[in-house]
């Protein structure tokens, strides 16, 4: 089992939610929601059905870029899946 590197990025917390960077442990939920045709129909970048490994590659790509940028990761819409 590979140890996940957690990138230290800013976390935004409010009384109602916590906005934090994606982790590999989030891949299952990403795949679950992306598998819902209603979600995919409302986006221009999420293919349906989602090919295997796409969500993992997406999270890995974001985290790799965050490490290169000193922990800050800004999401570009072109990066989505």
C-alpha atoms as a PDB file:
ATOM      1  CA  UNK A   1       0.000   0.000   0.000  1.00  0.00           C
ATOM      2  CA  UNK A   2       1.381   3.387  -0.985  1.00  0.00           C
ATOM      3  CA  UNK A   3       1.445   6.141   1.632  1.00  0.00           C
ATOM      4  CA  UNK A   4      -0.482   9.199   0.467  1.00  0.00           C
ATOM      5  CA  UNK A   5       1.362  12.519   0.518  1.00  0.00           C
ATOM      6  CA  UNK A   6      -0.961  15.159   1.894  1.00  0.00           C
ATOM      7  CA  UNK A   7      -0.153  18.533   0.414  1.00  0.00           C
ATOM      8  CA  UNK A   8      -0.384  21.362   2.901  1.00  0.00           C
ATOM      9  CA  UNK A   9      -2.795  23.837   1.355  1.00  0.00           C
ATOM     10  CA  UNK A  10      -5.047  26.465   2.861  1.00  0.00           C
ATOM     11  CA  UNK A  11      -8.292  25.164   4.324  1.00  0.00           C
ATOM     12  CA  UNK A  12     -11.410  27.303   4.468  1.00  0.00           C
ATOM     13  CA  UNK A  13     -13.750  26.529   7.360  1.00  0.00           C
ATOM     14  CA  UNK A  14     -17.175  27.966   8.066  1.00  0.00           C
ATOM     15  CA  UNK A  15     -19.882  26.814  10.467  1.00  0.00           C
ATOM     16  CA  UNK A  16     -21.555  24.923   7.592  1.00  0.00           C
ATOM     17  CA  UNK A  17     -18.697  23.383   5.600  1.00  0.00           C
ATOM     18  CA  UNK A  18     -14.966  22.795   5.262  1.00  0.00           C
ATOM     19  CA  UNK A  19     -13.287  23.400   1.904  1.00  0.00           C
ATOM     20  CA  UNK A  20     -10.034  21.474   1.681  1.00  0.00           C
ATOM     21  CA  UNK A  21      -7.756  20.046  -0.994  1.00  0.00           C
ATOM     22  CA  UNK A  22      -8.716  16.764  -2.640  1.00  0.00           C
ATOM     23  CA  UNK A  23      -7.009  13.616  -1.399  1.00  0.00           C
ATOM     24  CA  UNK A  24      -6.713  10.164  -2.916  1.00  0.00           C
ATOM     25  CA  UNK A  25      -9.173   9.020  -0.250  1.00  0.00           C
ATOM     26  CA  UNK A  26     -11.767  11.239  -1.995  1.00  0.00           C
ATOM     27  CA  UNK A  27     -11.542   9.318  -5.287  1.00  0.00           C
ATOM     28  CA  UNK A  28     -14.395   6.945  -4.411  1.00  0.00           C
ATOM     29  CA  UNK A  29     -16.802   9.834  -3.815  1.00  0.00           C
ATOM     30  CA  UNK A  30     -15.662  11.599  -6.995  1.00  0.00           C
ATOM     31  CA  UNK A  31     -16.370   8.433  -8.965  1.00  0.00           C
ATOM     32  CA  UNK A  32     -19.727   7.986  -7.247  1.00  0.00           C
ATOM     33  CA  UNK A  33     -20.958  11.468  -8.106  1.00  0.00           C
ATOM     34  CA  UNK A  34     -19.425  11.479 -11.590  1.00  0.00           C
ATOM     35  CA  UNK A  35     -21.213   8.186 -12.318  1.00  0.00           C
ATOM     36  CA  UNK A  36     -24.548   9.943 -11.921  1.00  0.00           C
ATOM     37  CA  UNK A  37     -25.694  10.868 -15.431  1.00  0.00           C
ATOM     38  CA  UNK A  38     -27.464  13.965 -14.057  1.00  0.00           C
ATOM     39  CA  UNK A  39     -24.141  15.322 -12.802  1.00  0.00           C
ATOM     40  CA  UNK A  40     -22.331  14.582 -16.063  1.00  0.00           C
ATOM     41  CA  UNK A  41     -25.109  16.189 -18.121  1.00  0.00           C
ATOM     42  CA  UNK A  42     -24.662  19.460 -16.235  1.00  0.00           C
ATOM     43  CA  UNK A  43     -20.935  19.687 -17.031  1.00  0.00           C
ATOM     44  CA  UNK A  44     -18.964  19.990 -20.229  1.00  0.00           C
ATOM     45  CA  UNK A  45     -15.831  18.186 -19.025  1.00  0.00           C
ATOM     46  CA  UNK A  46     -16.948  15.050 -17.160  1.00  0.00           C
ATOM     47  CA  UNK A  47     -17.358  12.100 -19.528  1.00  0.00           C
ATOM     48  CA  UNK A  48     -20.139   9.630 -18.862  1.00  0.00           C
ATOM     49  CA  UNK A  49     -19.474   6.902 -18.056  1.00  0.00           C
ATOM     50  CA  UNK A  50     -16.271   7.958 -16.315  1.00  0.00           C
ATOM     51  CA  UNK A  51     -13.389   5.798 -17.589  1.00  0.00           C
ATOM     52  CA  UNK A  52     -11.468   3.779 -14.973  1.00  0.00           C
ATOM     53  CA  UNK A  53      -8.570   5.636 -13.370  1.00  0.00           C
ATOM     54  CA  UNK A  54      -9.661   9.106 -14.470  1.00  0.00           C
ATOM     55  CA  UNK A  55     -10.610  10.343 -10.991  1.00  0.00           C
ATOM     56  CA  UNK A  56      -7.330   9.045  -9.514  1.00  0.00           C
ATOM     57  CA  UNK A  57      -5.325  10.735 -12.262  1.00  0.00           C
ATOM     58  CA  UNK A  58      -7.245  13.980 -11.687  1.00  0.00           C
ATOM     59  CA  UNK A  59      -6.454  14.067  -7.955  1.00  0.00           C
ATOM     60  CA  UNK A  60      -2.823  13.053  -8.559  1.00  0.00           C
ATOM     61  CA  UNK A  61      -2.424  15.799 -11.180  1.00  0.00           C
ATOM     62  CA  UNK A  62      -3.818  18.453  -8.825  1.00  0.00           C
ATOM     63  CA  UNK A  63      -1.616  17.343  -5.941  1.00  0.00           C
ATOM     64  CA  UNK A  64       1.509  17.170  -8.101  1.00  0.00           C
ATOM     65  CA  UNK A  65       0.923  20.707  -9.310  1.00  0.00           C
ATOM     66  CA  UNK A  66       0.238  21.902  -5.750  1.00  0.00           C
ATOM     67  CA  UNK A  67       3.589  20.494  -4.608  1.00  0.00           C
ATOM     68  CA  UNK A  68       5.343  22.250  -7.484  1.00  0.00           C
ATOM     69  CA  UNK A  69       3.619  25.542  -6.632  1.00  0.00           C
ATOM     70  CA  UNK A  70       4.607  25.433  -2.960  1.00  0.00           C
ATOM     71  CA  UNK A  71       1.303  24.090  -1.676  1.00  0.00           C
ATOM     72  CA  UNK A  72      -1.092  26.359  -3.527  1.00  0.00           C
ATOM     73  CA  UNK A  73      -3.389  24.756  -6.041  1.00  0.00           C
ATOM     74  CA  UNK A  74      -5.671  26.798  -8.218  1.00  0.00           C
ATOM     75  CA  UNK A  75      -8.124  24.793 -10.261  1.00  0.00           C
ATOM     76  CA  UNK A  76      -8.341  25.597 -13.936  1.00  0.00           C
ATOM     77  CA  UNK A  77     -11.553  24.442 -15.604  1.00  0.00           C
ATOM     78  CA  UNK A  78      -9.416  22.791 -18.269  1.00  0.00           C
ATOM     79  CA  UNK A  79      -8.071  20.457 -15.566  1.00  0.00           C
ATOM     80  CA  UNK A  80     -11.380  18.783 -14.881  1.00  0.00           C
ATOM     81  CA  UNK A  81     -11.218  15.100 -15.729  1.00  0.00           C
END
